Amino acid sequence: TNLIKSFFKSYLNEKGADITPLKKLIHFHY
């Protein structure tokens, strides 16, 4: 519950979960 507020705020702003870390990880290995 302590994490949900920030998650959904980001979710609404990005129109989906912010997967910036995943993109960086994939770019790092590519």
PDB file of all heavy atoms in Angstrom:
ATOM      1  N   THR A   1       0.814  -1.217   0.000  1.00  0.00           N
ATOM      2  CA  THR A   1       0.000   0.000   0.000  1.00  0.00           C
ATOM      3  C   THR A   1       0.849   1.269   0.000  1.00  0.00           C
ATOM      4  O   THR A   1       0.460   2.289  -0.569  1.00  0.00           O
ATOM      5  CB  THR A   1      -0.946   0.016   1.217  1.00  0.00           C
ATOM      6  OG1 THR A   1      -0.189  -0.246   2.413  1.00  0.00           O
ATOM      7  CG2 THR A   1      -2.037  -1.025   1.070  1.00  0.00           C
ATOM      8  N   ASN A   2       2.012   1.236   0.623  1.00  0.00           N
ATOM      9  CA  ASN A   2       2.880   2.424   0.675  1.00  0.00           C
ATOM     10  C   ASN A   2       3.486   2.766  -0.684  1.00  0.00           C
ATOM     11  O   ASN A   2       3.966   3.885  -0.893  1.00  0.00           O
ATOM     12  CB  ASN A   2       3.995   2.219   1.703  1.00  0.00           C
ATOM     13  CG  ASN A   2       4.876   1.043   1.381  1.00  0.00           C
ATOM     14  OD1 ASN A   2       4.393  -0.020   1.001  1.00  0.00           O
ATOM     15  ND2 ASN A   2       6.193   1.207   1.547  1.00  0.00           N
ATOM     16  N   LEU A   3       3.483   1.822  -1.617  1.00  0.00           N
ATOM     17  CA  LEU A   3       4.074   2.038  -2.936  1.00  0.00           C
ATOM     18  C   LEU A   3       3.041   2.319  -4.022  1.00  0.00           C
ATOM     19  O   LEU A   3       3.380   2.814  -5.094  1.00  0.00           O
ATOM     20  CB  LEU A   3       4.902   0.806  -3.358  1.00  0.00           C
ATOM     21  CG  LEU A   3       6.017   0.359  -2.407  1.00  0.00           C
ATOM     22  CD1 LEU A   3       6.592  -0.972  -2.880  1.00  0.00           C
ATOM     23  CD2 LEU A   3       7.110   1.417  -2.328  1.00  0.00           C
ATOM     24  N   ILE A   4       1.800   1.989  -3.734  1.00  0.00           N
ATOM     25  CA  ILE A   4       0.775   2.031  -4.778  1.00  0.00           C
ATOM     26  C   ILE A   4       0.509   3.450  -5.277  1.00  0.00           C
ATOM     27  O   ILE A   4       0.335   3.678  -6.478  1.00  0.00           O
ATOM     28  CB  ILE A   4      -0.516   1.355  -4.274  1.00  0.00           C
ATOM     29  CG1 ILE A   4      -0.302  -0.166  -4.233  1.00  0.00           C
ATOM     30  CG2 ILE A   4      -1.698   1.684  -5.184  1.00  0.00           C
ATOM     31  CD1 ILE A   4      -1.473  -0.948  -3.715  1.00  0.00           C
ATOM     32  N   LYS A   5       0.491   4.449  -4.372  1.00  0.00           N
ATOM     33  CA  LYS A   5       0.187   5.823  -4.769  1.00  0.00           C
ATOM     34  C   LYS A   5       1.164   6.330  -5.821  1.00  0.00           C
ATOM     35  O   LYS A   5       0.764   6.849  -6.867  1.00  0.00           O
ATOM     36  CB  LYS A   5       0.187   6.750  -3.550  1.00  0.00           C
ATOM     37  CG  LYS A   5      -0.236   8.179  -3.879  1.00  0.00           C
ATOM     38  CD  LYS A   5      -0.288   9.042  -2.622  1.00  0.00           C
ATOM     39  CE  LYS A   5      -0.704  10.473  -2.979  1.00  0.00           C
ATOM     40  NZ  LYS A   5      -0.744  11.340  -1.756  1.00  0.00           N
ATOM     41  N   SER A   6       2.469   6.176  -5.539  1.00  0.00           N
ATOM     42  CA  SER A   6       3.475   6.651  -6.488  1.00  0.00           C
ATOM     43  C   SER A   6       3.434   5.864  -7.790  1.00  0.00           C
ATOM     44  O   SER A   6       3.645   6.414  -8.873  1.00  0.00           O
ATOM     45  CB  SER A   6       4.873   6.582  -5.861  1.00  0.00           C
ATOM     46  OG  SER A   6       5.202   5.239  -5.502  1.00  0.00           O
ATOM     47  N   PHE A   7       3.139   4.559  -7.696  1.00  0.00           N
ATOM     48  CA  PHE A   7       3.062   3.732  -8.890  1.00  0.00           C
ATOM     49  C   PHE A   7       1.945   4.205  -9.815  1.00  0.00           C
ATOM     50  O   PHE A   7       2.148   4.408 -11.011  1.00  0.00           O
ATOM     51  CB  PHE A   7       2.850   2.259  -8.523  1.00  0.00           C
ATOM     52  CG  PHE A   7       2.552   1.388  -9.717  1.00  0.00           C
ATOM     53  CD1 PHE A   7       3.562   0.951 -10.555  1.00  0.00           C
ATOM     54  CD2 PHE A   7       1.237   1.033 -10.021  1.00  0.00           C
ATOM     55  CE1 PHE A   7       3.280   0.171 -11.673  1.00  0.00           C
ATOM     56  CE2 PHE A   7       0.957   0.242 -11.135  1.00  0.00           C
ATOM     57  CZ  PHE A   7       1.974  -0.182 -11.953  1.00  0.00           C
ATOM     58  N   PHE A   8       0.737   4.399  -9.255  1.00  0.00           N
ATOM     59  CA  PHE A   8      -0.397   4.773 -10.093  1.00  0.00           C
ATOM     60  C   PHE A   8      -0.286   6.204 -10.612  1.00  0.00           C
ATOM     61  O   PHE A   8      -0.771   6.509 -11.700  1.00  0.00           O
ATOM     62  CB  PHE A   8      -1.713   4.549  -9.352  1.00  0.00           C
ATOM     63  CG  PHE A   8      -2.168   3.127  -9.402  1.00  0.00           C
ATOM     64  CD1 PHE A   8      -2.096   2.324  -8.289  1.00  0.00           C
ATOM     65  CD2 PHE A   8      -2.646   2.576 -10.571  1.00  0.00           C
ATOM     66  CE1 PHE A   8      -2.491   0.984  -8.338  1.00  0.00           C
ATOM     67  CE2 PHE A   8      -3.047   1.244 -10.632  1.00  0.00           C
ATOM     68  CZ  PHE A   8      -2.975   0.452  -9.510  1.00  0.00           C
ATOM     69  N   LYS A   9       0.358   7.093  -9.853  1.00  0.00           N
ATOM     70  CA  LYS A   9       0.618   8.439 -10.351  1.00  0.00           C
ATOM     71  C   LYS A   9       1.493   8.373 -11.600  1.00  0.00           C
ATOM     72  O   LYS A   9       1.215   9.005 -12.624  1.00  0.00           O
ATOM     73  CB  LYS A   9       1.297   9.279  -9.271  1.00  0.00           C
ATOM     74  CG  LYS A   9       1.519  10.733  -9.692  1.00  0.00           C
ATOM     75  CD  LYS A   9       2.165  11.531  -8.566  1.00  0.00           C
ATOM     76  CE  LYS A   9       2.414  12.975  -9.006  1.00  0.00           C
ATOM     77  NZ  LYS A   9       3.061  13.764  -7.919  1.00  0.00           N
ATOM     78  N   SER A  10       2.552   7.568 -11.523  1.00  0.00           N
ATOM     79  CA  SER A  10       3.443   7.369 -12.663  1.00  0.00           C
ATOM     80  C   SER A  10       2.711   6.659 -13.797  1.00  0.00           C
ATOM     81  O   SER A  10       2.882   6.988 -14.965  1.00  0.00           O
ATOM     82  CB  SER A  10       4.671   6.562 -12.242  1.00  0.00           C
ATOM     83  OG  SER A  10       5.472   6.227 -13.345  1.00  0.00           O
ATOM     84  N   TYR A  11       1.861   5.680 -13.433  1.00  0.00           N
ATOM     85  CA  TYR A  11       1.116   4.907 -14.420  1.00  0.00           C
ATOM     86  C   TYR A  11       0.224   5.817 -15.268  1.00  0.00           C
ATOM     87  O   TYR A  11       0.156   5.703 -16.491  1.00  0.00           O
ATOM     88  CB  TYR A  11       0.275   3.847 -13.706  1.00  0.00           C
ATOM     89  CG  TYR A  11      -0.397   2.839 -14.622  1.00  0.00           C
ATOM     90  CD1 TYR A  11       0.197   1.616 -14.871  1.00  0.00           C
ATOM     91  CD2 TYR A  11      -1.619   3.125 -15.220  1.00  0.00           C
ATOM     92  CE1 TYR A  11      -0.413   0.685 -15.707  1.00  0.00           C
ATOM     93  CE2 TYR A  11      -2.237   2.202 -16.046  1.00  0.00           C
ATOM     94  CZ  TYR A  11      -1.639   0.985 -16.283  1.00  0.00           C
ATOM     95  OH  TYR A  11      -2.247   0.071 -17.118  1.00  0.00           O
ATOM     96  N   LEU A  12      -0.466   6.761 -14.606  1.00  0.00           N
ATOM     97  CA  LEU A  12      -1.359   7.673 -15.310  1.00  0.00           C
ATOM     98  C   LEU A  12      -0.569   8.644 -16.188  1.00  0.00           C
ATOM     99  O   LEU A  12      -0.982   8.957 -17.308  1.00  0.00           O
ATOM    100  CB  LEU A  12      -2.221   8.437 -14.309  1.00  0.00           C
ATOM    101  CG  LEU A  12      -3.251   7.587 -13.538  1.00  0.00           C
ATOM    102  CD1 LEU A  12      -3.889   8.396 -12.421  1.00  0.00           C
ATOM    103  CD2 LEU A  12      -4.329   7.057 -14.497  1.00  0.00           C
ATOM    104  N   ASN A  13       0.579   9.104 -15.681  1.00  0.00           N
ATOM    105  CA  ASN A  13       1.399  10.040 -16.453  1.00  0.00           C
ATOM    106  C   ASN A  13       1.980   9.390 -17.706  1.00  0.00           C
ATOM    107  O   ASN A  13       2.046   9.998 -18.778  1.00  0.00           O
ATOM    108  CB  ASN A  13       2.537  10.589 -15.586  1.00  0.00           C
ATOM    109  CG  ASN A  13       2.043  11.541 -14.513  1.00  0.00           C
ATOM    110  OD1 ASN A  13       0.969  12.138 -14.624  1.00  0.00           O
ATOM    111  ND2 ASN A  13       2.819  11.693 -13.436  1.00  0.00           N
ATOM    112  N   GLU A  14       2.416   8.130 -17.564  1.00  0.00           N
ATOM    113  CA  GLU A  14       3.065   7.425 -18.667  1.00  0.00           C
ATOM    114  C   GLU A  14       2.065   6.669 -19.545  1.00  0.00           C
ATOM    115  O   GLU A  14       2.450   6.103 -20.575  1.00  0.00           O
ATOM    116  CB  GLU A  14       4.095   6.418 -18.116  1.00  0.00           C
ATOM    117  CG  GLU A  14       5.256   7.039 -17.358  1.00  0.00           C
ATOM    118  CD  GLU A  14       6.207   7.781 -18.260  1.00  0.00           C
ATOM    119  OE1 GLU A  14       6.357   7.371 -19.438  1.00  0.00           O
ATOM    120  OE2 GLU A  14       6.805   8.765 -17.792  1.00  0.00           O
ATOM    121  N   LYS A  15       0.781   6.625 -19.093  1.00  0.00           N
ATOM    122  CA  LYS A  15      -0.243   5.820 -19.762  1.00  0.00           C
ATOM    123  C   LYS A  15       0.192   4.352 -19.813  1.00  0.00           C
ATOM    124  O   LYS A  15       0.051   3.648 -20.815  1.00  0.00           O
ATOM    125  CB  LYS A  15      -0.535   6.358 -21.166  1.00  0.00           C
ATOM    126  CG  LYS A  15      -1.110   7.763 -21.159  1.00  0.00           C
ATOM    127  CD  LYS A  15      -1.423   8.252 -22.559  1.00  0.00           C
ATOM    128  CE  LYS A  15      -2.026   9.665 -22.510  1.00  0.00           C
ATOM    129  NZ  LYS A  15      -2.299  10.202 -23.852  1.00  0.00           N
ATOM    130  N   GLY A  16       0.690   3.904 -18.684  1.00  0.00           N
ATOM    131  CA  GLY A  16       1.199   2.549 -18.508  1.00  0.00           C
ATOM    132  C   GLY A  16       2.329   2.590 -17.498  1.00  0.00           C
ATOM    133  O   GLY A  16       2.873   3.664 -17.209  1.00  0.00           O
ATOM    134  N   ALA A  17       2.706   1.438 -16.956  1.00  0.00           N
ATOM    135  CA  ALA A  17       3.791   1.396 -15.981  1.00  0.00           C
ATOM    136  C   ALA A  17       5.091   1.910 -16.597  1.00  0.00           C
ATOM    137  O   ALA A  17       5.408   1.605 -17.744  1.00  0.00           O
ATOM    138  CB  ALA A  17       3.979  -0.034 -15.462  1.00  0.00           C
ATOM    139  N   ASP A  18       5.815   2.706 -15.844  1.00  0.00           N
ATOM    140  CA  ASP A  18       7.082   3.263 -16.325  1.00  0.00           C
ATOM    141  C   ASP A  18       8.146   2.168 -16.337  1.00  0.00           C
ATOM    142  O   ASP A  18       8.630   1.735 -15.294  1.00  0.00           O
ATOM    143  CB  ASP A  18       7.509   4.422 -15.419  1.00  0.00           C
ATOM    144  CG  ASP A  18       8.689   5.207 -15.990  1.00  0.00           C
ATOM    145  OD1 ASP A  18       9.446   4.650 -16.812  1.00  0.00           O
ATOM    146  OD2 ASP A  18       8.862   6.379 -15.603  1.00  0.00           O
ATOM    147  N   ILE A  19       8.520   1.716 -17.534  1.00  0.00           N
ATOM    148  CA  ILE A  19       9.497   0.628 -17.673  1.00  0.00           C
ATOM    149  C   ILE A  19      10.860   1.159 -18.122  1.00  0.00           C
ATOM    150  O   ILE A  19      11.623   0.446 -18.769  1.00  0.00           O
ATOM    151  CB  ILE A  19       8.995  -0.464 -18.647  1.00  0.00           C
ATOM    152  CG1 ILE A  19       8.690   0.120 -20.032  1.00  0.00           C
ATOM    153  CG2 ILE A  19       7.792  -1.174 -18.076  1.00  0.00           C
ATOM    154  CD1 ILE A  19       8.462  -0.958 -21.100  1.00  0.00           C
ATOM    155  N   THR A  20      11.161   2.398 -17.744  1.00  0.00           N
ATOM    156  CA  THR A  20      12.460   2.986 -18.083  1.00  0.00           C
ATOM    157  C   THR A  20      13.631   2.101 -17.650  1.00  0.00           C
ATOM    158  O   THR A  20      14.579   1.911 -18.417  1.00  0.00           O
ATOM    159  CB  THR A  20      12.587   4.394 -17.467  1.00  0.00           C
ATOM    160  OG1 THR A  20      11.530   5.219 -17.962  1.00  0.00           O
ATOM    161  CG2 THR A  20      13.926   5.016 -17.818  1.00  0.00           C
ATOM    162  N   PRO A  21      13.609   1.514 -16.427  1.00  0.00           N
ATOM    163  CA  PRO A  21      14.724   0.630 -16.038  1.00  0.00           C
ATOM    164  C   PRO A  21      14.899  -0.564 -16.985  1.00  0.00           C
ATOM    165  O   PRO A  21      16.032  -0.941 -17.307  1.00  0.00           O
ATOM    166  CB  PRO A  21      14.338   0.166 -14.635  1.00  0.00           C
ATOM    167  CG  PRO A  21      13.447   1.246 -14.114  1.00  0.00           C
ATOM    168  CD  PRO A  21      12.662   1.712 -15.302  1.00  0.00           C
ATOM    169  N   LEU A  22      13.791  -1.147 -17.429  1.00  0.00           N
ATOM    170  CA  LEU A  22      13.881  -2.284 -18.350  1.00  0.00           C
ATOM    171  C   LEU A  22      14.489  -1.862 -19.679  1.00  0.00           C
ATOM    172  O   LEU A  22      15.340  -2.565 -20.232  1.00  0.00           O
ATOM    173  CB  LEU A  22      12.497  -2.899 -18.574  1.00  0.00           C
ATOM    174  CG  LEU A  22      12.431  -4.070 -19.564  1.00  0.00           C
ATOM    175  CD1 LEU A  22      13.274  -5.242 -19.070  1.00  0.00           C
ATOM    176  CD2 LEU A  22      10.992  -4.502 -19.813  1.00  0.00           C
ATOM    177  N   LYS A  23      14.071  -0.709 -20.190  1.00  0.00           N
ATOM    178  CA  LYS A  23      14.616  -0.215 -21.451  1.00  0.00           C
ATOM    179  C   LYS A  23      16.126   0.009 -21.327  1.00  0.00           C
ATOM    180  O   LYS A  23      16.891  -0.345 -22.232  1.00  0.00           O
ATOM    181  CB  LYS A  23      13.917   1.081 -21.858  1.00  0.00           C
ATOM    182  CG  LYS A  23      12.464   0.910 -22.265  1.00  0.00           C
ATOM    183  CD  LYS A  23      11.835   2.243 -22.616  1.00  0.00           C
ATOM    184  CE  LYS A  23      10.367   2.094 -23.001  1.00  0.00           C
ATOM    185  NZ  LYS A  23       9.756   3.417 -23.331  1.00  0.00           N
ATOM    186  N   LYS A  24      16.559   0.598 -20.216  1.00  0.00           N
ATOM    187  CA  LYS A  24      17.989   0.825 -19.986  1.00  0.00           C
ATOM    188  C   LYS A  24      18.746  -0.497 -19.913  1.00  0.00           C
ATOM    189  O   LYS A  24      19.850  -0.618 -20.452  1.00  0.00           O
ATOM    190  CB  LYS A  24      18.194   1.623 -18.690  1.00  0.00           C
ATOM    191  CG  LYS A  24      17.788   3.089 -18.783  1.00  0.00           C
ATOM    192  CD  LYS A  24      18.043   3.806 -17.461  1.00  0.00           C
ATOM    193  CE  LYS A  24      17.667   5.287 -17.558  1.00  0.00           C
ATOM    194  NZ  LYS A  24      17.868   5.999 -16.250  1.00  0.00           N
ATOM    195  N   LEU A  25      18.138  -1.491 -19.262  1.00  0.00           N
ATOM    196  CA  LEU A  25      18.773  -2.801 -19.121  1.00  0.00           C
ATOM    197  C   LEU A  25      18.955  -3.456 -20.480  1.00  0.00           C
ATOM    198  O   LEU A  25      20.026  -4.017 -20.769  1.00  0.00           O
ATOM    199  CB  LEU A  25      17.928  -3.680 -18.200  1.00  0.00           C
ATOM    200  CG  LEU A  25      18.482  -5.061 -17.846  1.00  0.00           C
ATOM    201  CD1 LEU A  25      19.753  -4.925 -17.015  1.00  0.00           C
ATOM    202  CD2 LEU A  25      17.437  -5.882 -17.072  1.00  0.00           C
ATOM    203  N   ILE A  26      17.914  -3.404 -21.311  1.00  0.00           N
ATOM    204  CA  ILE A  26      17.990  -4.015 -22.638  1.00  0.00           C
ATOM    205  C   ILE A  26      19.003  -3.283 -23.512  1.00  0.00           C
ATOM    206  O   ILE A  26      19.796  -3.901 -24.221  1.00  0.00           O
ATOM    207  CB  ILE A  26      16.598  -4.037 -23.303  1.00  0.00           C
ATOM    208  CG1 ILE A  26      15.621  -4.852 -22.453  1.00  0.00           C
ATOM    209  CG2 ILE A  26      16.686  -4.611 -24.713  1.00  0.00           C
ATOM    210  CD1 ILE A  26      16.039  -6.261 -22.181  1.00  0.00           C
ATOM    211  N   HIS A  27      18.995  -1.952 -23.449  1.00  0.00           N
ATOM    212  CA  HIS A  27      19.971  -1.173 -24.208  1.00  0.00           C
ATOM    213  C   HIS A  27      21.400  -1.482 -23.764  1.00  0.00           C
ATOM    214  O   HIS A  27      22.322  -1.513 -24.592  1.00  0.00           O
ATOM    215  CB  HIS A  27      19.697   0.323 -24.063  1.00  0.00           C
ATOM    216  CG  HIS A  27      18.674   0.852 -25.024  1.00  0.00           C
ATOM    217  ND1 HIS A  27      18.957   1.107 -26.349  1.00  0.00           N
ATOM    218  CD2 HIS A  27      17.351   1.154 -24.857  1.00  0.00           C
ATOM    219  CE1 HIS A  27      17.871   1.553 -26.957  1.00  0.00           C
ATOM    220  NE2 HIS A  27      16.870   1.594 -26.071  1.00  0.00           N
ATOM    221  N   PHE A  28      21.572  -1.713 -22.472  1.00  0.00           N
ATOM    222  CA  PHE A  28      22.898  -2.037 -21.946  1.00  0.00           C
ATOM    223  C   PHE A  28      23.424  -3.345 -22.547  1.00  0.00           C
ATOM    224  O   PHE A  28      24.611  -3.460 -22.862  1.00  0.00           O
ATOM    225  CB  PHE A  28      22.843  -2.132 -20.421  1.00  0.00           C
ATOM    226  CG  PHE A  28      24.121  -2.602 -19.791  1.00  0.00           C
ATOM    227  CD1 PHE A  28      25.179  -1.736 -19.614  1.00  0.00           C
ATOM    228  CD2 PHE A  28      24.264  -3.927 -19.377  1.00  0.00           C
ATOM    229  CE1 PHE A  28      26.372  -2.182 -19.034  1.00  0.00           C
ATOM    230  CE2 PHE A  28      25.447  -4.382 -18.805  1.00  0.00           C
ATOM    231  CZ  PHE A  28      26.502  -3.498 -18.634  1.00  0.00           C
ATOM    232  N   HIS A  29      22.545  -4.334 -22.709  1.00  0.00           N
ATOM    233  CA  HIS A  29      22.971  -5.640 -23.216  1.00  0.00           C
ATOM    234  C   HIS A  29      23.016  -5.708 -24.747  1.00  0.00           C
ATOM    235  O   HIS A  29      23.644  -6.614 -25.309  1.00  0.00           O
ATOM    236  CB  HIS A  29      22.038  -6.738 -22.699  1.00  0.00           C
ATOM    237  CG  HIS A  29      22.258  -7.072 -21.253  1.00  0.00           C
ATOM    238  ND1 HIS A  29      23.334  -7.803 -20.805  1.00  0.00           N
ATOM    239  CD2 HIS A  29      21.529  -6.785 -20.141  1.00  0.00           C
ATOM    240  CE1 HIS A  29      23.272  -7.945 -19.492  1.00  0.00           C
ATOM    241  NE2 HIS A  29      22.175  -7.332 -19.059  1.00  0.00           N
ATOM    242  N   TYR A  30      22.361  -4.758 -25.400  1.00  0.00           N
ATOM    243  CA  TYR A  30      22.338  -4.786 -26.861  1.00  0.00           C
ATOM    244  C   TYR A  30      23.636  -4.216 -27.428  1.00  0.00           C
ATOM    245  O   TYR A  30      24.132  -3.180 -26.993  1.00  0.00           O
ATOM    246  CB  TYR A  30      21.150  -3.995 -27.405  1.00  0.00           C
ATOM    247  CG  TYR A  30      21.148  -3.890 -28.913  1.00  0.00           C
ATOM    248  CD1 TYR A  30      20.890  -5.007 -29.693  1.00  0.00           C
ATOM    249  CD2 TYR A  30      21.431  -2.682 -29.552  1.00  0.00           C
ATOM    250  CE1 TYR A  30      20.899  -4.925 -31.079  1.00  0.00           C
ATOM    251  CE2 TYR A  30      21.445  -2.593 -30.931  1.00  0.00           C
ATOM    252  CZ  TYR A  30      21.190  -3.731 -31.687  1.00  0.00           C
ATOM    253  OH  TYR A  30      21.215  -3.648 -33.061  1.00  0.00           O
TER     254      TYR A  30
END
